[in-house]
Amino acid sequence: MKKENSTSVSTSQVVRDYAAQNPELGQSQIVKDLVAQGHKVYPALVSQALRGTGGGKKQKGAKRGRKPAAAKTAKTAKTAKVAKAKTMAKSAEFNLDSLKLAANFIKQCGSVEKAIAAIQSYEKIAALVK
């Protein structure tokens, strides 16, 4: 097992420090320079060390595998419309049944005014019972 001294610096830290001092350099140039200085560095190590630090060259364009925002929004809007249509269909059935029941209630009361008075009386009685 390799023993590390408290004064030794990790290779990744060397890469990060060098990249911070030379932000204009790409990863391949960092590898060449550090190998010339005597460090055992390879491209994958540099890539891993610089990941998330902002070192090296920046990626241009969108990441692979992602859908454009417009397509995603259109699909979401389409899904929302379908869900809304299903909800309206269910509520239309419910409203139609409720409408039929309300019409029967009004017919039994004799008029709309008498039905409203009956509902108000019911609300007063329900409030007293609670």
Protein backbone atom coordinates (compact mmCIF):
# COMPACT_ATOMS: atom_id res chain seq x y z
CA MET A 1 0.00 0.00 0.00
CA LYS A 2 1.31 3.41 -0.95
CA LYS A 3 2.02 5.79 1.90
CA GLU A 4 1.36 9.44 1.35
CA ASN A 5 3.24 12.16 3.12
CA SER A 6 1.27 15.02 4.60
CA THR A 7 3.16 17.34 2.24
CA SER A 8 2.26 15.43 -0.97
CA VAL A 9 -0.36 16.92 -3.23
CA SER A 10 -2.73 14.76 -5.24
CA THR A 11 -2.33 14.64 -9.00
CA SER A 12 -5.89 15.90 -9.44
CA GLN A 13 -5.09 18.93 -7.32
CA VAL A 14 -2.01 19.60 -9.43
CA VAL A 15 -4.20 19.47 -12.55
CA ARG A 16 -6.80 21.82 -11.03
CA ASP A 17 -4.14 24.28 -9.89
CA TYR A 18 -2.45 24.29 -13.29
CA ALA A 19 -5.77 24.73 -15.09
CA ALA A 20 -6.66 27.64 -12.78
CA GLN A 21 -3.33 29.33 -13.56
CA ASN A 22 -3.77 28.74 -17.31
CA PRO A 23 -7.51 28.97 -18.06
CA GLU A 24 -6.95 29.44 -21.80
CA LEU A 25 -5.42 25.96 -22.21
CA GLY A 26 -7.40 22.93 -23.32
CA GLN A 27 -7.22 19.53 -21.69
CA SER A 28 -4.76 18.04 -24.16
CA GLN A 29 -2.36 20.95 -23.70
CA ILE A 30 -2.62 20.63 -19.90
CA VAL A 31 -1.68 16.94 -20.22
CA LYS A 32 1.34 17.76 -22.39
CA ASP A 33 2.57 20.51 -20.08
CA LEU A 34 2.21 18.48 -16.87
CA VAL A 35 3.89 15.40 -18.40
CA ALA A 36 6.75 17.68 -19.44
CA GLN A 37 7.00 18.82 -15.81
CA GLY A 38 7.32 15.19 -14.68
CA HIS A 39 3.79 14.45 -13.43
CA LYS A 40 2.08 11.17 -14.35
CA VAL A 41 -0.99 12.64 -15.99
CA TYR A 42 -3.26 11.28 -18.69
CA PRO A 43 -6.29 12.76 -20.50
CA ALA A 44 -8.96 10.92 -18.51
CA LEU A 45 -7.44 12.12 -15.23
CA VAL A 46 -7.44 15.72 -16.46
CA SER A 47 -11.03 15.40 -17.62
CA GLN A 48 -12.12 13.98 -14.27
CA ALA A 49 -10.17 16.55 -12.26
CA LEU A 50 -11.64 19.47 -14.21
CA ARG A 51 -15.21 18.21 -14.19
CA GLY A 52 -17.48 20.83 -12.64
CA THR A 53 -14.67 23.29 -11.93
CA GLY A 54 -15.11 25.32 -15.09
CA GLY A 55 -11.58 24.45 -16.20
CA GLY A 56 -10.75 23.40 -19.72
CA LYS A 57 -12.80 24.31 -22.75
CA LYS A 58 -16.54 24.86 -22.39
CA GLN A 59 -19.03 22.68 -24.19
CA LYS A 60 -21.03 24.37 -26.89
CA GLY A 61 -24.61 23.50 -27.68
CA ALA A 62 -27.18 21.37 -25.93
CA LYS A 63 -26.33 18.08 -24.27
CA ARG A 64 -27.11 14.96 -26.24
CA GLY A 65 -30.29 13.11 -25.50
CA ARG A 66 -32.29 16.13 -24.47
CA LYS A 67 -35.35 17.19 -26.38
CA PRO A 68 -35.69 20.78 -27.48
CA ALA A 69 -37.77 22.90 -25.13
CA ALA A 70 -40.38 23.65 -27.82
CA ALA A 71 -41.14 19.96 -28.39
CA LYS A 72 -41.33 19.34 -24.67
CA THR A 73 -43.71 22.27 -24.17
CA ALA A 74 -45.91 21.20 -27.08
CA LYS A 75 -46.18 17.68 -25.70
CA THR A 76 -46.99 19.01 -22.24
CA ALA A 77 -49.67 21.30 -23.67
CA LYS A 78 -51.17 18.44 -25.65
CA THR A 79 -51.24 16.23 -22.56
CA ALA A 80 -52.85 19.03 -20.56
CA LYS A 81 -55.55 19.46 -23.21
CA VAL A 82 -56.35 15.74 -23.14
CA ALA A 83 -56.53 15.74 -19.34
CA LYS A 84 -58.77 18.81 -19.40
CA ALA A 85 -61.07 17.19 -21.95
CA LYS A 86 -61.38 14.07 -19.79
CA THR A 87 -62.13 16.17 -16.72
CA MET A 88 -64.73 18.18 -18.60
CA ALA A 89 -66.37 14.99 -19.84
CA LYS A 90 -66.61 13.66 -16.29
CA SER A 91 -67.87 16.97 -14.94
CA ALA A 92 -70.34 17.27 -17.83
CA GLU A 93 -71.81 13.88 -16.89
CA PHE A 94 -71.96 14.96 -13.28
CA ASN A 95 -73.46 18.32 -14.17
CA LEU A 96 -76.04 16.70 -16.44
CA ASP A 97 -77.13 14.38 -13.64
CA SER A 98 -77.18 17.27 -11.18
CA LEU A 99 -79.14 19.36 -13.63
CA LYS A 100 -81.77 16.64 -14.00
CA LEU A 101 -82.05 16.29 -10.22
CA ALA A 102 -82.33 20.07 -9.79
CA ALA A 103 -85.08 20.24 -12.46
CA ASN A 104 -87.04 17.50 -10.68
CA PHE A 105 -86.63 19.33 -7.34
CA ILE A 106 -87.92 22.59 -8.85
CA LYS A 107 -90.90 20.76 -10.37
CA GLN A 108 -91.73 19.24 -6.98
CA CYS A 109 -91.47 22.64 -5.26
CA GLY A 110 -93.61 24.32 -7.92
CA SER A 111 -91.26 27.19 -8.84
CA VAL A 112 -87.65 28.33 -8.68
CA GLU A 113 -88.41 30.80 -5.88
CA LYS A 114 -90.04 28.08 -3.74
CA ALA A 115 -87.06 25.75 -4.40
CA ILE A 116 -84.62 28.49 -3.29
CA ALA A 117 -86.71 29.13 -0.15
CA ALA A 118 -86.67 25.39 0.61
CA ILE A 119 -82.89 25.26 0.23
CA GLN A 120 -82.45 28.29 2.52
CA SER A 121 -84.71 26.67 5.14
CA TYR A 122 -82.66 23.48 4.87
CA GLU A 123 -79.42 25.45 5.41
CA LYS A 124 -80.86 27.09 8.57
CA ILE A 125 -81.95 23.75 9.98
CA ALA A 126 -78.58 22.16 9.13
CA ALA A 127 -76.77 25.02 10.89
CA LEU A 128 -78.88 24.51 14.04
CA VAL A 129 -78.27 20.76 14.10
CA LYS A 130 -74.47 21.18 13.93
